[in-house]
Amino acid sequence: MTQLAYGLRHAIPATPTLVDMSTVHYDPDRQISMVTEGGTTLPVLRHTSGTTSTNTASQDNKGGSDSDQDYRED
């Protein structure tokens, strides 16, 4: 079996999409880029998709694992 980098094992060919850059603007309140098309304004990219969860079972606790849950900001 050929060795591939972790992220390349499930990579698929990318299909570029033309973007009308005149529809993209920066929202200083949200501090992200927004795109407006057909009267609808949406974030250009999302870096999260819901809650995040972290297991803190390491040397910092002595009584077993505990978890932490945060919510996305965008």
N, C-alpha and C. Protein backbone atom coordinates (compact mmCIF):
# COMPACT_ATOMS: atom_id res chain seq x y z
N MET A 1 0.84 -1.18 0.00
CA MET A 1 0.00 0.00 0.00
C MET A 1 0.88 1.24 0.00
N THR A 2 0.53 2.22 -0.79
CA THR A 2 1.28 3.46 -0.86
C THR A 2 0.99 4.30 0.37
N GLN A 3 2.04 4.84 0.97
CA GLN A 3 1.88 5.70 2.15
C GLN A 3 1.51 7.11 1.71
N LEU A 4 0.42 7.64 2.24
CA LEU A 4 -0.01 8.99 1.94
C LEU A 4 -0.12 9.79 3.23
N ALA A 5 0.02 11.07 3.11
CA ALA A 5 -0.20 11.94 4.26
C ALA A 5 -1.64 11.75 4.74
N TYR A 6 -1.85 11.91 6.05
CA TYR A 6 -3.16 11.64 6.66
C TYR A 6 -4.31 12.32 5.91
N GLY A 7 -4.19 13.58 5.60
CA GLY A 7 -5.28 14.31 4.97
C GLY A 7 -5.53 13.95 3.53
N LEU A 8 -4.58 13.30 2.88
CA LEU A 8 -4.73 12.97 1.46
C LEU A 8 -5.45 11.65 1.20
N ARG A 9 -5.59 10.82 2.22
CA ARG A 9 -6.24 9.53 2.00
C ARG A 9 -7.68 9.66 1.53
N HIS A 10 -8.36 10.70 1.99
CA HIS A 10 -9.77 10.87 1.64
C HIS A 10 -10.01 12.13 0.81
N ALA A 11 -8.95 12.68 0.23
CA ALA A 11 -9.08 13.90 -0.56
C ALA A 11 -9.86 13.62 -1.84
N ILE A 12 -10.60 14.62 -2.27
CA ILE A 12 -11.32 14.53 -3.53
C ILE A 12 -10.90 15.72 -4.39
N PRO A 13 -11.03 15.59 -5.68
CA PRO A 13 -10.66 16.71 -6.55
C PRO A 13 -11.53 17.94 -6.23
N ALA A 14 -10.91 19.09 -6.18
CA ALA A 14 -11.64 20.33 -5.90
C ALA A 14 -12.20 20.89 -7.20
N THR A 15 -13.42 21.40 -7.13
CA THR A 15 -14.03 22.05 -8.27
C THR A 15 -14.12 23.54 -7.95
N PRO A 16 -13.32 24.37 -8.61
CA PRO A 16 -13.35 25.80 -8.30
C PRO A 16 -14.67 26.44 -8.71
N THR A 17 -15.08 27.42 -7.93
CA THR A 17 -16.30 28.16 -8.21
C THR A 17 -15.94 29.64 -8.33
N LEU A 18 -16.39 30.26 -9.38
CA LEU A 18 -16.13 31.69 -9.55
C LEU A 18 -16.97 32.47 -8.55
N VAL A 19 -16.35 33.44 -7.91
CA VAL A 19 -17.04 34.28 -6.92
C VAL A 19 -16.98 35.72 -7.37
N ASP A 20 -18.12 36.37 -7.40
CA ASP A 20 -18.18 37.79 -7.71
C ASP A 20 -17.73 38.55 -6.47
N MET A 21 -16.50 39.03 -6.47
CA MET A 21 -15.92 39.66 -5.29
C MET A 21 -16.62 40.97 -4.90
N SER A 22 -17.44 41.50 -5.79
CA SER A 22 -18.18 42.73 -5.43
C SER A 22 -19.29 42.41 -4.43
N THR A 23 -19.61 41.12 -4.23
CA THR A 23 -20.65 40.74 -3.27
C THR A 23 -20.08 40.42 -1.89
N VAL A 24 -18.75 40.44 -1.76
CA VAL A 24 -18.09 40.10 -0.51
C VAL A 24 -17.71 41.38 0.23
N HIS A 25 -18.02 41.42 1.53
CA HIS A 25 -17.62 42.57 2.35
C HIS A 25 -17.26 42.10 3.76
N TYR A 26 -16.51 42.94 4.45
CA TYR A 26 -16.09 42.63 5.82
C TYR A 26 -17.08 43.23 6.79
N ASP A 27 -17.55 42.44 7.74
CA ASP A 27 -18.45 42.91 8.79
C ASP A 27 -17.62 43.18 10.04
N PRO A 28 -17.39 44.45 10.38
CA PRO A 28 -16.53 44.76 11.53
C PRO A 28 -17.13 44.33 12.87
N ASP A 29 -18.45 44.24 12.96
CA ASP A 29 -19.08 43.81 14.22
C ASP A 29 -18.83 42.32 14.47
N ARG A 30 -19.01 41.51 13.45
CA ARG A 30 -18.80 40.07 13.59
C ARG A 30 -17.35 39.67 13.34
N GLN A 31 -16.58 40.57 12.72
CA GLN A 31 -15.18 40.38 12.39
C GLN A 31 -14.95 39.18 11.47
N ILE A 32 -15.84 39.06 10.48
CA ILE A 32 -15.71 38.02 9.46
C ILE A 32 -16.16 38.58 8.11
N SER A 33 -15.78 37.91 7.04
CA SER A 33 -16.22 38.30 5.70
C SER A 33 -17.62 37.75 5.45
N MET A 34 -18.44 38.56 4.80
CA MET A 34 -19.82 38.18 4.47
C MET A 34 -20.00 38.27 2.97
N VAL A 35 -20.93 37.49 2.43
CA VAL A 35 -21.27 37.54 1.02
C VAL A 35 -22.78 37.75 0.90
N THR A 36 -23.18 38.62 -0.03
CA THR A 36 -24.59 38.90 -0.26
C THR A 36 -24.94 38.47 -1.68
N GLU A 37 -25.91 37.57 -1.79
CA GLU A 37 -26.39 37.12 -3.09
C GLU A 37 -27.89 36.97 -3.02
N GLY A 38 -28.59 37.53 -3.99
CA GLY A 38 -30.04 37.40 -4.05
C GLY A 38 -30.74 37.96 -2.82
N GLY A 39 -30.17 39.00 -2.20
CA GLY A 39 -30.78 39.62 -1.03
C GLY A 39 -30.49 38.91 0.28
N THR A 40 -29.73 37.82 0.25
CA THR A 40 -29.38 37.07 1.45
C THR A 40 -27.91 37.27 1.77
N THR A 41 -27.60 37.58 3.03
CA THR A 41 -26.22 37.75 3.46
C THR A 41 -25.81 36.61 4.38
N LEU A 42 -24.69 35.97 4.05
CA LEU A 42 -24.20 34.81 4.80
C LEU A 42 -22.71 34.96 5.05
N PRO A 43 -22.17 34.28 6.08
CA PRO A 43 -20.71 34.25 6.26
C PRO A 43 -20.05 33.56 5.08
N VAL A 44 -18.90 34.07 4.66
CA VAL A 44 -18.18 33.46 3.54
C VAL A 44 -17.73 32.05 3.92
N LEU A 45 -17.17 31.89 5.12
CA LEU A 45 -16.71 30.60 5.60
C LEU A 45 -17.15 30.39 7.03
N ARG A 46 -17.34 29.16 7.41
CA ARG A 46 -17.59 28.81 8.81
C ARG A 46 -16.45 27.93 9.25
N HIS A 47 -15.91 28.23 10.41
CA HIS A 47 -14.80 27.41 10.88
C HIS A 47 -15.24 26.38 11.91
N THR A 48 -16.50 26.39 12.29
CA THR A 48 -17.02 25.38 13.19
C THR A 48 -18.42 24.99 12.76
N SER A 49 -18.92 23.91 13.29
CA SER A 49 -20.24 23.45 12.88
C SER A 49 -21.08 23.01 14.08
N GLY A 50 -20.97 23.71 15.18
CA GLY A 50 -21.76 23.35 16.35
C GLY A 50 -20.93 23.43 17.61
N THR A 51 -21.15 22.48 18.48
CA THR A 51 -20.41 22.47 19.73
C THR A 51 -19.06 21.78 19.55
N THR A 52 -18.13 22.17 20.38
CA THR A 52 -16.84 21.49 20.41
C THR A 52 -16.72 20.81 21.76
N SER A 53 -16.01 19.72 21.81
CA SER A 53 -15.87 18.97 23.05
C SER A 53 -14.41 18.61 23.25
N THR A 54 -13.93 18.78 24.46
CA THR A 54 -12.55 18.48 24.78
C THR A 54 -12.49 17.59 26.00
N ASN A 55 -11.77 16.49 25.90
CA ASN A 55 -11.55 15.62 27.05
C ASN A 55 -10.25 16.07 27.71
N THR A 56 -10.32 16.43 28.98
CA THR A 56 -9.15 16.96 29.67
C THR A 56 -8.46 15.91 30.52
N ALA A 57 -8.52 14.66 30.07
CA ALA A 57 -7.87 13.58 30.83
C ALA A 57 -6.37 13.60 30.55
N SER A 58 -5.66 14.32 31.34
CA SER A 58 -4.20 14.34 31.23
C SER A 58 -3.62 14.55 32.62
N GLN A 59 -2.42 14.99 32.71
CA GLN A 59 -1.76 15.13 33.99
C GLN A 59 -2.36 16.22 34.86
N ASP A 60 -3.25 17.04 34.33
CA ASP A 60 -3.78 18.15 35.13
C ASP A 60 -4.90 17.74 36.09
N ASN A 61 -5.40 16.52 35.99
CA ASN A 61 -6.43 16.09 36.94
C ASN A 61 -6.04 14.76 37.59
N LYS A 62 -6.49 14.56 38.78
CA LYS A 62 -6.11 13.35 39.51
C LYS A 62 -7.28 12.39 39.72
N GLY A 63 -8.51 12.86 39.48
CA GLY A 63 -9.67 12.03 39.78
C GLY A 63 -10.32 11.39 38.58
N GLY A 64 -9.67 11.37 37.44
CA GLY A 64 -10.27 10.80 36.24
C GLY A 64 -10.53 11.88 35.22
N SER A 65 -11.11 11.50 34.11
CA SER A 65 -11.30 12.46 33.03
C SER A 65 -12.52 13.34 33.30
N ASP A 66 -12.47 14.54 32.76
CA ASP A 66 -13.63 15.42 32.74
C ASP A 66 -13.68 16.03 31.35
N SER A 67 -14.77 16.67 31.02
CA SER A 67 -14.89 17.20 29.67
C SER A 67 -15.28 18.67 29.70
N ASP A 68 -15.07 19.31 28.58
CA ASP A 68 -15.39 20.72 28.42
C ASP A 68 -16.14 20.86 27.10
N GLN A 69 -17.21 21.65 27.09
CA GLN A 69 -17.98 21.83 25.87
C GLN A 69 -18.15 23.33 25.62
N ASP A 70 -17.84 23.76 24.40
CA ASP A 70 -17.96 25.16 24.00
C ASP A 70 -18.87 25.24 22.79
N TYR A 71 -19.38 26.44 22.53
CA TYR A 71 -20.25 26.67 21.38
C TYR A 71 -19.55 27.57 20.38
N ARG A 72 -19.87 27.38 19.11
CA ARG A 72 -19.22 28.16 18.07
C ARG A 72 -19.51 29.64 18.24
N GLU A 73 -18.62 30.44 17.71
CA GLU A 73 -18.74 31.89 17.82
C GLU A 73 -19.26 32.54 16.54
N ASP A 74 -19.34 31.80 15.45
CA ASP A 74 -19.78 32.42 14.21
C ASP A 74 -21.09 31.86 13.73
